[in-house]
Amino acid sequence: MPDVTLRPLLADEFGAWLRRSAGEYAGDLESQGMPVGDAERQANEGMAASFPGGVLAEGHEVMHIVAESDVVVGYLWIGRDLSHDLGAWWVWDIVIDADKRGRGLGRAAMIAGEQLARSQGAQSLGLSVFDFNSAARGLYESLGYEETSVKMKKSLN
C-alpha cells in the first residue's frame, strides 16, 4: 500500500476546494437523475450550510491527500457528524484524482483519516456512498464499513 499523508488546506486554497467539491457533488447528484440546476443548487446550499461565509468551520477537517512523491492526489473532508454523539465522526467527502485511481491511494487515505479521527476522540466513522460508485463501496466494505441504511427511489416517468 502506498504511503500518504494528510495536509490541511491553507486558507487561500479553501475557496477553490469549496467550488471543486460543490461541483463534484452536483455531478454526483446529476448522475442520480437530478436536473442540473437542482443539483447545483442543492450542492451549493449544502456547502454554504457546512461552511458559513465560505470559510472552514469548526469540527471540519479538509485535508490534501499527499502521495509519497509529495504530489497532491486528492482531498479528504472529515469531521464530526450531525448527531449529538461527540464520538461519532463522518467522512463527508473523499476524492482521489481520476488519473491517480487504482493505486491504493484511496485505501491509504481512508486509513489515515481513521487515524486522524481516532486521535480527535472519534469512536466511530460513518460515510455515504452513491450506488453507482461500486469501486468505492468495495473499498469501504474491505475496510470494515457496514451498511446501516439504504435509500431507494423509483422513477414514475
C-alpha atoms as a PDB file:
ATOM      1  CA  MET A   1       0.000   0.000   0.000  1.00  0.00           C
ATOM      2  CA  PRO A   2       1.357   3.429  -0.855  1.00  0.00           C
ATOM      3  CA  ASP A   3       2.257   5.881   1.862  1.00  0.00           C
ATOM      4  CA  VAL A   4       0.096   9.011   2.023  1.00  0.00           C
ATOM      5  CA  THR A   5      -0.062  11.929   4.391  1.00  0.00           C
ATOM      6  CA  LEU A   6      -2.886  14.333   5.108  1.00  0.00           C
ATOM      7  CA  ARG A   7      -2.055  18.025   4.943  1.00  0.00           C
ATOM      8  CA  PRO A   8      -4.588  20.701   5.917  1.00  0.00           C
ATOM      9  CA  LEU A   9      -5.692  23.070   3.165  1.00  0.00           C
ATOM     10  CA  LEU A  10      -4.294  26.553   3.548  1.00  0.00           C
ATOM     11  CA  ALA A  11      -6.753  29.418   3.927  1.00  0.00           C
ATOM     12  CA  ASP A  12      -6.021  30.678   0.404  1.00  0.00           C
ATOM     13  CA  GLU A  13      -6.748  27.188  -1.034  1.00  0.00           C
ATOM     14  CA  PHE A  14     -10.118  26.814   0.639  1.00  0.00           C
ATOM     15  CA  GLY A  15     -12.273  28.763  -1.855  1.00  0.00           C
ATOM     16  CA  ALA A  16     -11.045  26.719  -4.821  1.00  0.00           C
ATOM     17  CA  TRP A  17     -11.631  23.498  -2.895  1.00  0.00           C
ATOM     18  CA  LEU A  18     -15.138  24.616  -1.937  1.00  0.00           C
ATOM     19  CA  ARG A  19     -16.024  25.235  -5.597  1.00  0.00           C
ATOM     20  CA  ARG A  20     -14.459  21.923  -6.678  1.00  0.00           C
ATOM     21  CA  SER A  21     -16.248  19.899  -4.006  1.00  0.00           C
ATOM     22  CA  ALA A  22     -19.617  21.526  -4.732  1.00  0.00           C
ATOM     23  CA  GLY A  23     -19.157  20.864  -8.447  1.00  0.00           C
ATOM     24  CA  GLU A  24     -18.275  17.214  -7.879  1.00  0.00           C
ATOM     25  CA  TYR A  25     -21.259  16.752  -5.559  1.00  0.00           C
ATOM     26  CA  ALA A  26     -23.580  18.358  -8.111  1.00  0.00           C
ATOM     27  CA  GLY A  27     -22.200  15.959 -10.735  1.00  0.00           C
ATOM     28  CA  ASP A  28     -22.935  13.001  -8.471  1.00  0.00           C
ATOM     29  CA  LEU A  29     -26.488  14.249  -7.899  1.00  0.00           C
ATOM     30  CA  GLU A  30     -26.953  14.608 -11.666  1.00  0.00           C
ATOM     31  CA  SER A  31     -25.757  11.016 -12.082  1.00  0.00           C
ATOM     32  CA  GLN A  32     -28.603  10.029  -9.776  1.00  0.00           C
ATOM     33  CA  GLY A  33     -31.098  11.727 -12.113  1.00  0.00           C
ATOM     34  CA  MET A  34     -31.424  15.160 -10.512  1.00  0.00           C
ATOM     35  CA  PRO A  35     -31.812  18.007 -13.020  1.00  0.00           C
ATOM     36  CA  VAL A  36     -28.654  20.096 -13.457  1.00  0.00           C
ATOM     37  CA  GLY A  37     -29.993  23.308 -11.908  1.00  0.00           C
ATOM     38  CA  ASP A  38     -31.442  21.482  -8.908  1.00  0.00           C
ATOM     39  CA  ALA A  39     -28.203  19.557  -8.382  1.00  0.00           C
ATOM     40  CA  GLU A  40     -26.110  22.720  -8.467  1.00  0.00           C
ATOM     41  CA  ARG A  41     -28.496  24.486  -6.080  1.00  0.00           C
ATOM     42  CA  GLN A  42     -28.512  21.580  -3.601  1.00  0.00           C
ATOM     43  CA  ALA A  43     -24.714  21.247  -3.707  1.00  0.00           C
ATOM     44  CA  ASN A  44     -24.148  24.981  -3.209  1.00  0.00           C
ATOM     45  CA  GLU A  45     -26.713  25.201  -0.398  1.00  0.00           C
ATOM     46  CA  GLY A  46     -25.135  22.212   1.336  1.00  0.00           C
ATOM     47  CA  MET A  47     -21.673  23.728   1.180  1.00  0.00           C
ATOM     48  CA  ALA A  48     -22.977  27.089   2.426  1.00  0.00           C
ATOM     49  CA  ALA A  49     -24.622  25.336   5.390  1.00  0.00           C
ATOM     50  CA  SER A  50     -21.426  23.432   6.213  1.00  0.00           C
ATOM     51  CA  PHE A  51     -19.115  26.405   5.690  1.00  0.00           C
ATOM     52  CA  PRO A  52     -20.946  29.657   6.526  1.00  0.00           C
ATOM     53  CA  GLY A  53     -19.234  32.613   4.911  1.00  0.00           C
ATOM     54  CA  GLY A  54     -17.148  30.286   2.758  1.00  0.00           C
ATOM     55  CA  VAL A  55     -14.590  29.565   5.482  1.00  0.00           C
ATOM     56  CA  LEU A  56     -13.543  26.372   7.228  1.00  0.00           C
ATOM     57  CA  ALA A  57     -15.954  25.675  10.084  1.00  0.00           C
ATOM     58  CA  GLU A  58     -15.132  24.228  13.493  1.00  0.00           C
ATOM     59  CA  GLY A  59     -15.496  20.465  13.615  1.00  0.00           C
ATOM     60  CA  HIS A  60     -14.471  20.002   9.989  1.00  0.00           C
ATOM     61  CA  GLU A  61     -11.071  18.955   8.672  1.00  0.00           C
ATOM     62  CA  VAL A  62     -10.362  19.419   4.965  1.00  0.00           C
ATOM     63  CA  MET A  63      -7.092  17.823   4.003  1.00  0.00           C
ATOM     64  CA  HIS A  64      -4.999  17.359   0.891  1.00  0.00           C
ATOM     65  CA  ILE A  65      -4.093  13.734   0.313  1.00  0.00           C
ATOM     66  CA  VAL A  66      -0.371  13.799  -0.473  1.00  0.00           C
ATOM     67  CA  ALA A  67       1.405  10.804  -2.010  1.00  0.00           C
ATOM     68  CA  GLU A  68       4.978   9.649  -1.420  1.00  0.00           C
ATOM     69  CA  SER A  69       6.256  11.851  -4.225  1.00  0.00           C
ATOM     70  CA  ASP A  70       4.886  14.932  -2.364  1.00  0.00           C
ATOM     71  CA  VAL A  71       2.176  15.266  -5.014  1.00  0.00           C
ATOM     72  CA  VAL A  72      -1.384  16.153  -4.036  1.00  0.00           C
ATOM     73  CA  VAL A  73      -3.561  13.303  -5.325  1.00  0.00           C
ATOM     74  CA  GLY A  74      -6.936  14.281  -3.875  1.00  0.00           C
ATOM     75  CA  TYR A  75      -8.690  15.511  -0.770  1.00  0.00           C
ATOM     76  CA  LEU A  76     -10.480  14.276   2.334  1.00  0.00           C
ATOM     77  CA  TRP A  77     -13.213  16.171   4.185  1.00  0.00           C
ATOM     78  CA  ILE A  78     -13.829  14.614   7.582  1.00  0.00           C
ATOM     79  CA  GLY A  79     -15.278  15.758  10.884  1.00  0.00           C
ATOM     80  CA  ARG A  80     -17.954  15.336  13.486  1.00  0.00           C
ATOM     81  CA  ASP A  81     -21.249  14.018  12.211  1.00  0.00           C
ATOM     82  CA  LEU A  82     -24.539  15.843  12.718  1.00  0.00           C
ATOM     83  CA  SER A  83     -25.639  13.837  15.758  1.00  0.00           C
ATOM     84  CA  HIS A  84     -25.110  14.851  19.358  1.00  0.00           C
ATOM     85  CA  ASP A  85     -22.669  11.958  19.799  1.00  0.00           C
ATOM     86  CA  LEU A  86     -19.257  13.642  20.116  1.00  0.00           C
ATOM     87  CA  GLY A  87     -17.564  10.311  19.377  1.00  0.00           C
ATOM     88  CA  ALA A  88     -19.287   9.951  16.005  1.00  0.00           C
ATOM     89  CA  TRP A  89     -17.375  11.293  13.028  1.00  0.00           C
ATOM     90  CA  TRP A  90     -18.193  11.325   9.320  1.00  0.00           C
ATOM     91  CA  VAL A  91     -16.308  11.199   6.044  1.00  0.00           C
ATOM     92  CA  TRP A  92     -18.123  13.986   4.241  1.00  0.00           C
ATOM     93  CA  ASP A  93     -16.137  13.576   1.030  1.00  0.00           C
ATOM     94  CA  ILE A  94     -13.061  11.847  -0.281  1.00  0.00           C
ATOM     95  CA  VAL A  95     -11.765  12.188  -3.824  1.00  0.00           C
ATOM     96  CA  ILE A  96      -8.715  10.715  -5.471  1.00  0.00           C
ATOM     97  CA  ASP A  97      -7.934  12.482  -8.746  1.00  0.00           C
ATOM     98  CA  ALA A  98      -9.144  10.375 -11.688  1.00  0.00           C
ATOM     99  CA  ASP A  99      -5.670   9.864 -13.141  1.00  0.00           C
ATOM    100  CA  LYS A 100      -4.349   8.590  -9.778  1.00  0.00           C
ATOM    101  CA  ARG A 101      -7.039   5.983  -9.014  1.00  0.00           C
ATOM    102  CA  GLY A 102      -6.430   2.250  -8.811  1.00  0.00           C
ATOM    103  CA  ARG A 103      -3.115   2.567  -6.946  1.00  0.00           C
ATOM    104  CA  GLY A 104      -4.282   2.069  -3.359  1.00  0.00           C
ATOM    105  CA  LEU A 105      -4.278   5.790  -2.563  1.00  0.00           C
ATOM    106  CA  GLY A 106      -7.935   5.817  -1.502  1.00  0.00           C
ATOM    107  CA  ARG A 107      -7.349   2.938   0.906  1.00  0.00           C
ATOM    108  CA  ALA A 108      -4.278   4.631   2.367  1.00  0.00           C
ATOM    109  CA  ALA A 109      -6.169   7.933   2.694  1.00  0.00           C
ATOM    110  CA  MET A 110      -9.106   6.269   4.450  1.00  0.00           C
ATOM    111  CA  ILE A 111      -6.753   4.619   6.936  1.00  0.00           C
ATOM    112  CA  ALA A 112      -5.016   7.962   7.551  1.00  0.00           C
ATOM    113  CA  GLY A 113      -8.446   9.584   8.010  1.00  0.00           C
ATOM    114  CA  GLU A 114      -9.430   6.913  10.535  1.00  0.00           C
ATOM    115  CA  GLN A 115      -6.227   7.610  12.460  1.00  0.00           C
ATOM    116  CA  LEU A 116      -6.921  11.359  12.400  1.00  0.00           C
ATOM    117  CA  ALA A 117     -10.484  10.843  13.657  1.00  0.00           C
ATOM    118  CA  ARG A 118      -9.311   8.456  16.382  1.00  0.00           C
ATOM    119  CA  SER A 119      -6.705  10.997  17.526  1.00  0.00           C
ATOM    120  CA  GLN A 120      -9.520  13.550  17.940  1.00  0.00           C
ATOM    121  CA  GLY A 121     -11.608  11.224  20.112  1.00  0.00           C
ATOM    122  CA  ALA A 122     -13.785   9.611  17.453  1.00  0.00           C
ATOM    123  CA  GLN A 123     -15.322   6.281  18.417  1.00  0.00           C
ATOM    124  CA  SER A 124     -16.984   5.647  15.054  1.00  0.00           C
ATOM    125  CA  LEU A 125     -16.653   6.852  11.490  1.00  0.00           C
ATOM    126  CA  GLY A 126     -19.533   6.843   9.032  1.00  0.00           C
ATOM    127  CA  LEU A 127     -19.946   7.760   5.382  1.00  0.00           C
ATOM    128  CA  SER A 128     -22.371   7.660   2.476  1.00  0.00           C
ATOM    129  CA  VAL A 129     -21.664   6.251  -0.943  1.00  0.00           C
ATOM    130  CA  PHE A 130     -23.688   6.635  -4.121  1.00  0.00           C
ATOM    131  CA  ASP A 131     -24.992   3.357  -5.514  1.00  0.00           C
ATOM    132  CA  PHE A 132     -23.223   3.856  -8.846  1.00  0.00           C
ATOM    133  CA  ASN A 133     -19.815   4.020  -7.132  1.00  0.00           C
ATOM    134  CA  SER A 134     -19.165   0.296  -6.814  1.00  0.00           C
ATOM    135  CA  ALA A 135     -15.380   0.734  -6.559  1.00  0.00           C
ATOM    136  CA  ALA A 136     -15.733   2.987  -3.502  1.00  0.00           C
ATOM    137  CA  ARG A 137     -18.323   0.711  -1.950  1.00  0.00           C
ATOM    138  CA  GLY A 138     -15.980  -2.270  -2.365  1.00  0.00           C
ATOM    139  CA  LEU A 139     -13.150  -0.290  -0.763  1.00  0.00           C
ATOM    140  CA  TYR A 140     -15.263   0.721   2.232  1.00  0.00           C
ATOM    141  CA  GLU A 141     -16.536  -2.827   2.757  1.00  0.00           C
ATOM    142  CA  SER A 142     -12.982  -4.181   2.588  1.00  0.00           C
ATOM    143  CA  LEU A 143     -12.022  -1.691   5.320  1.00  0.00           C
ATOM    144  CA  GLY A 144     -14.797  -2.977   7.606  1.00  0.00           C
ATOM    145  CA  TYR A 145     -17.549  -0.422   6.971  1.00  0.00           C
ATOM    146  CA  GLU A 146     -21.014  -1.938   7.213  1.00  0.00           C
ATOM    147  CA  GLU A 147     -24.257  -0.915   5.576  1.00  0.00           C
ATOM    148  CA  THR A 148     -26.527   0.830   8.080  1.00  0.00           C
ATOM    149  CA  SER A 149     -29.292   2.170   5.810  1.00  0.00           C
ATOM    150  CA  VAL A 150     -30.456   2.084   2.220  1.00  0.00           C
ATOM    151  CA  LYS A 151     -32.330   4.841   0.385  1.00  0.00           C
ATOM    152  CA  MET A 152     -34.466   3.733  -2.558  1.00  0.00           C
ATOM    153  CA  LYS A 153     -36.198   5.613  -5.362  1.00  0.00           C
ATOM    154  CA  LYS A 154     -38.395   4.760  -8.310  1.00  0.00           C
ATOM    155  CA  SER A 155     -38.886   6.958 -11.350  1.00  0.00           C
ATOM    156  CA  LEU A 156     -42.545   7.304 -12.265  1.00  0.00           C
ATOM    157  CA  ASN A 157     -41.942   8.614 -15.773  1.00  0.00           C
END
